[in-house]
N, C-alpha and C. Protein backbone atom coordinates (compact mmCIF):
# COMPACT_ATOMS: atom_id res chain seq x y z
N MET A 1 54.95 108.66 58.80
CA MET A 1 56.00 108.46 57.83
C MET A 1 56.84 107.28 58.26
N ALA A 2 57.01 106.35 57.39
CA ALA A 2 57.79 105.15 57.67
C ALA A 2 59.26 105.42 57.40
N LEU A 3 60.09 104.75 58.18
CA LEU A 3 61.54 104.92 58.05
C LEU A 3 62.06 103.82 57.12
N ASP A 4 62.74 104.23 56.11
CA ASP A 4 63.28 103.28 55.13
C ASP A 4 64.67 102.87 55.56
N PRO A 5 64.96 101.58 55.78
CA PRO A 5 66.29 101.14 56.22
C PRO A 5 67.37 101.46 55.19
N ARG A 6 67.00 101.54 53.94
CA ARG A 6 68.02 101.85 52.93
C ARG A 6 68.52 103.28 53.09
N ASP A 7 67.65 104.18 53.58
CA ASP A 7 68.10 105.56 53.82
C ASP A 7 69.13 105.63 54.94
N LEU A 8 69.00 104.75 55.94
CA LEU A 8 69.95 104.75 57.05
C LEU A 8 71.32 104.24 56.61
N LEU A 9 71.35 103.29 55.67
CA LEU A 9 72.61 102.72 55.22
C LEU A 9 73.29 103.57 54.16
N ARG A 10 72.57 104.43 53.52
CA ARG A 10 73.14 105.27 52.47
C ARG A 10 74.05 106.31 53.10
N PRO A 11 75.25 106.50 52.57
CA PRO A 11 76.15 107.50 53.15
C PRO A 11 75.57 108.90 52.99
N ARG A 12 75.81 109.69 54.00
CA ARG A 12 75.33 111.06 53.99
C ARG A 12 76.46 111.97 53.51
N GLY A 13 76.24 113.23 53.58
CA GLY A 13 77.20 114.24 53.12
C GLY A 13 78.58 114.06 53.73
N PRO A 14 79.10 115.05 54.40
CA PRO A 14 80.46 114.98 54.95
C PRO A 14 80.56 113.96 56.09
N VAL A 15 81.78 113.52 56.39
CA VAL A 15 82.05 112.52 57.42
C VAL A 15 81.85 113.11 58.81
N ASP A 16 82.00 114.39 59.00
CA ASP A 16 81.88 115.03 60.31
C ASP A 16 80.44 115.00 60.84
N GLU A 17 79.50 114.76 59.99
CA GLU A 17 78.11 114.76 60.42
C GLU A 17 77.84 113.49 61.25
N PRO A 18 77.19 113.63 62.45
CA PRO A 18 76.95 112.45 63.31
C PRO A 18 75.90 111.52 62.71
N ALA A 19 75.90 110.30 63.18
CA ALA A 19 74.89 109.33 62.75
C ALA A 19 73.52 109.82 63.21
N PRO A 20 72.45 109.38 62.56
CA PRO A 20 71.14 109.90 62.89
C PRO A 20 70.70 109.62 64.34
N LEU A 21 71.12 108.54 64.95
CA LEU A 21 70.71 108.22 66.32
C LEU A 21 71.61 108.85 67.37
N ALA A 22 72.77 109.38 67.01
CA ALA A 22 73.70 109.95 67.97
C ALA A 22 73.26 111.32 68.42
N GLY A 23 72.55 112.07 67.66
CA GLY A 23 72.11 113.39 68.03
C GLY A 23 73.17 114.42 67.75
N THR A 24 72.90 115.64 68.14
CA THR A 24 73.85 116.72 67.90
C THR A 24 74.93 116.70 68.97
N ARG A 25 75.91 117.55 68.76
CA ARG A 25 77.02 117.65 69.73
C ARG A 25 76.51 118.11 71.09
N ALA A 26 75.59 119.04 71.12
CA ALA A 26 75.04 119.54 72.39
C ALA A 26 74.29 118.43 73.12
N GLU A 27 73.56 117.59 72.38
CA GLU A 27 72.84 116.48 73.01
C GLU A 27 73.80 115.45 73.60
N ARG A 28 74.89 115.18 72.90
CA ARG A 28 75.89 114.22 73.40
C ARG A 28 76.54 114.75 74.67
N ILE A 29 76.86 116.05 74.70
CA ILE A 29 77.48 116.63 75.90
C ILE A 29 76.49 116.60 77.06
N GLN A 30 75.23 116.87 76.77
CA GLN A 30 74.22 116.84 77.82
C GLN A 30 74.09 115.42 78.39
N ARG A 31 74.06 114.39 77.54
CA ARG A 31 73.98 113.01 78.03
C ARG A 31 75.22 112.66 78.85
N LEU A 32 76.39 113.13 78.43
CA LEU A 32 77.61 112.89 79.18
C LEU A 32 77.55 113.57 80.55
N GLN A 33 77.06 114.79 80.61
CA GLN A 33 76.95 115.50 81.88
C GLN A 33 75.97 114.80 82.82
N ILE A 34 74.85 114.33 82.29
CA ILE A 34 73.87 113.63 83.12
C ILE A 34 74.46 112.34 83.66
N GLY A 35 75.18 111.61 82.84
CA GLY A 35 75.81 110.36 83.29
C GLY A 35 76.84 110.61 84.38
N LEU A 36 77.68 111.62 84.20
CA LEU A 36 78.70 111.94 85.21
C LEU A 36 78.04 112.42 86.51
N PHE A 37 76.99 113.21 86.37
CA PHE A 37 76.28 113.67 87.56
C PHE A 37 75.66 112.49 88.31
N GLY A 38 75.11 111.52 87.60
CA GLY A 38 74.53 110.32 88.22
C GLY A 38 75.58 109.50 88.95
N ILE A 39 76.74 109.33 88.32
CA ILE A 39 77.83 108.58 88.97
C ILE A 39 78.29 109.31 90.23
N LEU A 40 78.45 110.62 90.14
CA LEU A 40 78.87 111.41 91.30
C LEU A 40 77.83 111.32 92.42
N ALA A 41 76.57 111.37 92.08
CA ALA A 41 75.51 111.27 93.09
C ALA A 41 75.55 109.92 93.79
N MET A 42 75.79 108.84 93.04
CA MET A 42 75.86 107.51 93.65
C MET A 42 77.07 107.40 94.59
N VAL A 43 78.20 107.95 94.19
CA VAL A 43 79.40 107.92 95.04
C VAL A 43 79.13 108.69 96.34
N LEU A 44 78.50 109.84 96.24
CA LEU A 44 78.19 110.62 97.44
C LEU A 44 77.18 109.89 98.32
N LEU A 45 76.20 109.25 97.72
CA LEU A 45 75.20 108.52 98.49
C LEU A 45 75.82 107.34 99.23
N VAL A 46 76.70 106.60 98.57
CA VAL A 46 77.37 105.47 99.23
C VAL A 46 78.28 105.98 100.35
N GLY A 47 78.97 107.10 100.12
CA GLY A 47 79.83 107.68 101.16
C GLY A 47 79.02 108.12 102.37
N LEU A 48 77.87 108.75 102.13
CA LEU A 48 77.03 109.19 103.24
C LEU A 48 76.49 108.00 104.02
N ALA A 49 76.08 106.95 103.33
CA ALA A 49 75.59 105.75 104.01
C ALA A 49 76.69 105.12 104.85
N ASP A 50 77.92 105.12 104.35
CA ASP A 50 79.04 104.56 105.11
C ASP A 50 79.29 105.37 106.38
N VAL A 51 79.21 106.69 106.28
CA VAL A 51 79.42 107.54 107.46
C VAL A 51 78.34 107.27 108.49
N VAL A 52 77.09 107.16 108.06
CA VAL A 52 75.99 106.94 109.00
C VAL A 52 76.13 105.58 109.67
N ILE A 53 76.46 104.55 108.92
CA ILE A 53 76.60 103.21 109.50
C ILE A 53 77.77 103.16 110.47
N THR A 54 78.88 103.77 110.12
CA THR A 54 80.05 103.78 111.01
C THR A 54 79.72 104.50 112.31
N ARG A 55 79.03 105.62 112.21
CA ARG A 55 78.66 106.39 113.41
C ARG A 55 77.71 105.59 114.30
N ALA A 56 76.76 104.88 113.67
CA ALA A 56 75.82 104.07 114.45
C ALA A 56 76.54 102.92 115.16
N GLU A 57 77.51 102.30 114.50
CA GLU A 57 78.27 101.22 115.14
C GLU A 57 79.10 101.74 116.31
N GLN A 58 79.69 102.92 116.16
CA GLN A 58 80.46 103.50 117.26
C GLN A 58 79.55 103.83 118.44
N THR A 59 78.39 104.37 118.17
CA THR A 59 77.45 104.70 119.24
C THR A 59 76.99 103.44 119.94
N GLN A 60 76.70 102.40 119.18
CA GLN A 60 76.26 101.13 119.77
C GLN A 60 77.37 100.51 120.62
N ALA A 61 78.61 100.63 120.21
CA ALA A 61 79.73 100.06 120.97
C ALA A 61 79.94 100.81 122.27
N ASN A 62 79.70 102.12 122.28
CA ASN A 62 79.93 102.93 123.48
C ASN A 62 78.73 102.95 124.42
N ALA A 63 77.60 102.44 124.00
CA ALA A 63 76.39 102.47 124.83
C ALA A 63 76.50 101.43 125.94
N VAL A 64 75.90 101.75 127.08
CA VAL A 64 75.86 100.82 128.20
C VAL A 64 74.79 99.78 127.90
N PRO A 65 75.13 98.48 127.96
CA PRO A 65 74.14 97.47 127.58
C PRO A 65 72.91 97.46 128.47
N GLU A 66 73.08 97.48 129.75
CA GLU A 66 71.96 97.50 130.69
C GLU A 66 72.21 98.61 131.68
N ALA A 67 71.38 99.63 131.63
CA ALA A 67 71.54 100.75 132.54
C ALA A 67 71.10 100.33 133.94
N ALA A 68 71.92 100.64 134.92
CA ALA A 68 71.60 100.32 136.31
C ALA A 68 70.61 101.35 136.84
N PRO A 69 69.70 100.94 137.72
CA PRO A 69 68.77 101.92 138.27
C PRO A 69 69.51 102.93 139.13
N THR A 70 69.08 104.16 139.07
CA THR A 70 69.76 105.21 139.84
C THR A 70 69.26 105.25 141.27
N VAL A 71 68.05 104.80 141.52
CA VAL A 71 67.49 104.77 142.86
C VAL A 71 67.18 103.33 143.21
N MET A 72 67.70 102.90 144.33
CA MET A 72 67.44 101.53 144.77
C MET A 72 66.04 101.47 145.37
N PRO A 73 65.22 100.53 144.95
CA PRO A 73 63.88 100.45 145.52
C PRO A 73 63.94 99.96 146.96
N SER A 74 63.16 100.58 147.80
CA SER A 74 63.15 100.17 149.21
C SER A 74 62.12 99.07 149.39
N GLU A 75 62.47 98.08 150.18
CA GLU A 75 61.58 96.95 150.40
C GLU A 75 60.45 97.29 151.36
N SER A 76 60.64 98.31 152.19
CA SER A 76 59.63 98.63 153.19
C SER A 76 58.44 99.38 152.60
N SER A 77 58.63 100.05 151.48
CA SER A 77 57.52 100.81 150.93
C SER A 77 56.53 99.87 150.24
N ALA A 78 55.26 100.07 150.54
CA ALA A 78 54.21 99.25 149.94
C ALA A 78 53.93 99.77 148.54
N PRO A 79 53.45 98.91 147.67
CA PRO A 79 53.12 99.40 146.32
C PRO A 79 51.98 100.41 146.41
N ARG A 80 52.10 101.45 145.60
CA ARG A 80 51.13 102.54 145.67
C ARG A 80 50.15 102.42 144.50
N ASP A 81 48.95 102.88 144.74
CA ASP A 81 47.91 102.88 143.72
C ASP A 81 47.77 104.30 143.19
N PRO A 82 48.16 104.56 141.93
CA PRO A 82 48.11 105.94 141.43
C PRO A 82 46.69 106.49 141.36
N LEU A 83 45.70 105.64 141.13
CA LEU A 83 44.32 106.13 141.09
C LEU A 83 43.86 106.58 142.47
N ALA A 84 44.25 105.84 143.50
CA ALA A 84 43.89 106.23 144.86
C ALA A 84 44.63 107.50 145.25
N ASP A 85 45.87 107.65 144.82
CA ASP A 85 46.62 108.87 145.12
C ASP A 85 45.99 110.09 144.46
N ALA A 86 45.43 109.90 143.28
CA ALA A 86 44.81 111.02 142.57
C ALA A 86 43.41 111.30 143.09
N GLY A 87 42.86 110.42 143.92
CA GLY A 87 41.54 110.63 144.47
C GLY A 87 40.43 110.14 143.57
N VAL A 88 40.74 109.32 142.59
CA VAL A 88 39.73 108.84 141.67
C VAL A 88 38.95 107.68 142.28
N VAL A 89 39.61 106.81 143.00
CA VAL A 89 38.96 105.67 143.65
C VAL A 89 39.29 105.73 145.13
N PRO A 90 38.44 105.18 145.96
CA PRO A 90 38.74 105.20 147.40
C PRO A 90 39.94 104.30 147.68
N GLU A 91 40.70 104.69 148.68
CA GLU A 91 41.87 103.91 149.05
C GLU A 91 41.42 102.66 149.78
N LEU A 92 41.87 101.52 149.32
CA LEU A 92 41.49 100.25 149.89
C LEU A 92 42.54 99.82 150.91
N PRO A 93 42.11 99.15 151.97
CA PRO A 93 43.12 98.67 152.94
C PRO A 93 43.96 97.59 152.28
N PRO A 94 45.21 97.42 152.72
CA PRO A 94 46.05 96.37 152.13
C PRO A 94 45.46 94.99 152.39
N GLU A 95 45.57 94.16 151.39
CA GLU A 95 45.02 92.81 151.51
C GLU A 95 45.92 91.96 152.40
N GLN A 96 45.27 91.18 153.27
CA GLN A 96 46.02 90.27 154.14
C GLN A 96 45.66 88.85 153.72
N THR A 97 46.66 88.04 153.56
CA THR A 97 46.40 86.65 153.19
C THR A 97 46.21 85.85 154.47
N PRO A 98 45.10 85.14 154.58
CA PRO A 98 44.89 84.34 155.80
C PRO A 98 45.84 83.15 155.84
N THR A 99 46.34 82.88 157.03
CA THR A 99 47.23 81.72 157.18
C THR A 99 46.36 80.50 157.47
N PRO A 100 46.62 79.39 156.82
CA PRO A 100 45.77 78.21 157.07
C PRO A 100 46.03 77.63 158.46
N THR A 101 44.97 77.28 159.11
CA THR A 101 45.07 76.65 160.43
C THR A 101 44.91 75.15 160.26
N PRO A 102 45.38 74.36 161.21
CA PRO A 102 45.25 72.91 161.07
C PRO A 102 43.80 72.46 160.98
N THR A 103 42.87 73.17 161.58
CA THR A 103 41.47 72.75 161.52
C THR A 103 40.86 73.10 160.17
N ALA A 104 41.47 74.07 159.45
CA ALA A 104 40.90 74.48 158.17
C ALA A 104 41.27 73.53 157.04
N VAL A 105 42.22 72.62 157.27
CA VAL A 105 42.64 71.70 156.23
C VAL A 105 41.59 70.61 156.09
N GLN A 106 41.07 70.44 154.90
CA GLN A 106 40.04 69.43 154.64
C GLN A 106 40.72 68.16 154.16
N PRO A 107 40.31 67.00 154.63
CA PRO A 107 40.90 65.75 154.14
C PRO A 107 40.44 65.49 152.72
N THR A 108 41.33 64.94 151.93
CA THR A 108 41.02 64.67 150.53
C THR A 108 40.44 63.28 150.35
N GLY A 109 40.62 62.42 151.27
CA GLY A 109 40.06 61.08 151.17
C GLY A 109 41.01 60.08 150.56
N ASP A 110 42.12 60.49 150.01
CA ASP A 110 43.05 59.53 149.41
C ASP A 110 44.11 59.06 150.39
N LEU A 111 44.21 59.68 151.57
CA LEU A 111 45.15 59.26 152.60
C LEU A 111 44.36 58.84 153.84
N PRO A 112 44.92 57.90 154.61
CA PRO A 112 44.22 57.54 155.85
C PRO A 112 44.27 58.72 156.82
N PRO A 113 43.32 58.82 157.70
CA PRO A 113 43.31 59.93 158.66
C PRO A 113 44.51 59.83 159.59
N PRO A 114 45.02 60.98 160.03
CA PRO A 114 46.17 60.95 160.94
C PRO A 114 45.77 60.35 162.29
N PRO A 115 46.74 59.70 162.96
CA PRO A 115 46.42 59.10 164.27
C PRO A 115 46.16 60.20 165.32
N PRO A 116 45.38 59.94 166.30
CA PRO A 116 45.19 60.95 167.36
C PRO A 116 46.51 61.25 168.05
N ASN A 117 46.58 62.40 168.71
CA ASN A 117 47.83 62.86 169.33
C ASN A 117 48.32 61.93 170.43
N ASN A 118 47.44 61.26 171.16
CA ASN A 118 47.87 60.43 172.27
C ASN A 118 48.03 58.96 171.88
N ALA A 119 47.79 58.62 170.62
CA ALA A 119 47.92 57.21 170.21
C ALA A 119 49.37 56.89 169.95
N PRO A 120 49.85 55.69 170.35
CA PRO A 120 51.23 55.32 170.09
C PRO A 120 51.45 55.00 168.61
N LEU A 121 52.61 55.36 168.11
CA LEU A 121 52.97 55.09 166.74
C LEU A 121 53.51 53.67 166.61
N GLN A 122 53.22 52.99 165.54
CA GLN A 122 53.65 51.60 165.38
C GLN A 122 54.83 51.50 164.46
């Protein structure tokens, strides 16, 4: 059924009757209640967000920036291998770095050889 625009412009019975698109009184009250409930929900949501943000800022301000270690590491203790402690791998002896001896140094060829120990310096 098509809607005739002339029917919409034609005056209806009594003046108290609502326009065709406005709906009944109960529908208008329901739309008003839904709108007020939506506004109230938004106000509560913004208030809750403000409380959460304020609390987070206070917690961040009171937090210690860098926590100090509670136990000072001792320099004498060697690093431990947790796998060796658990018995999964055999315990290896600590690695020792060999110290270079003067005879172990190889000449690179870009410098002249050093003078012998008993030769006079010029």
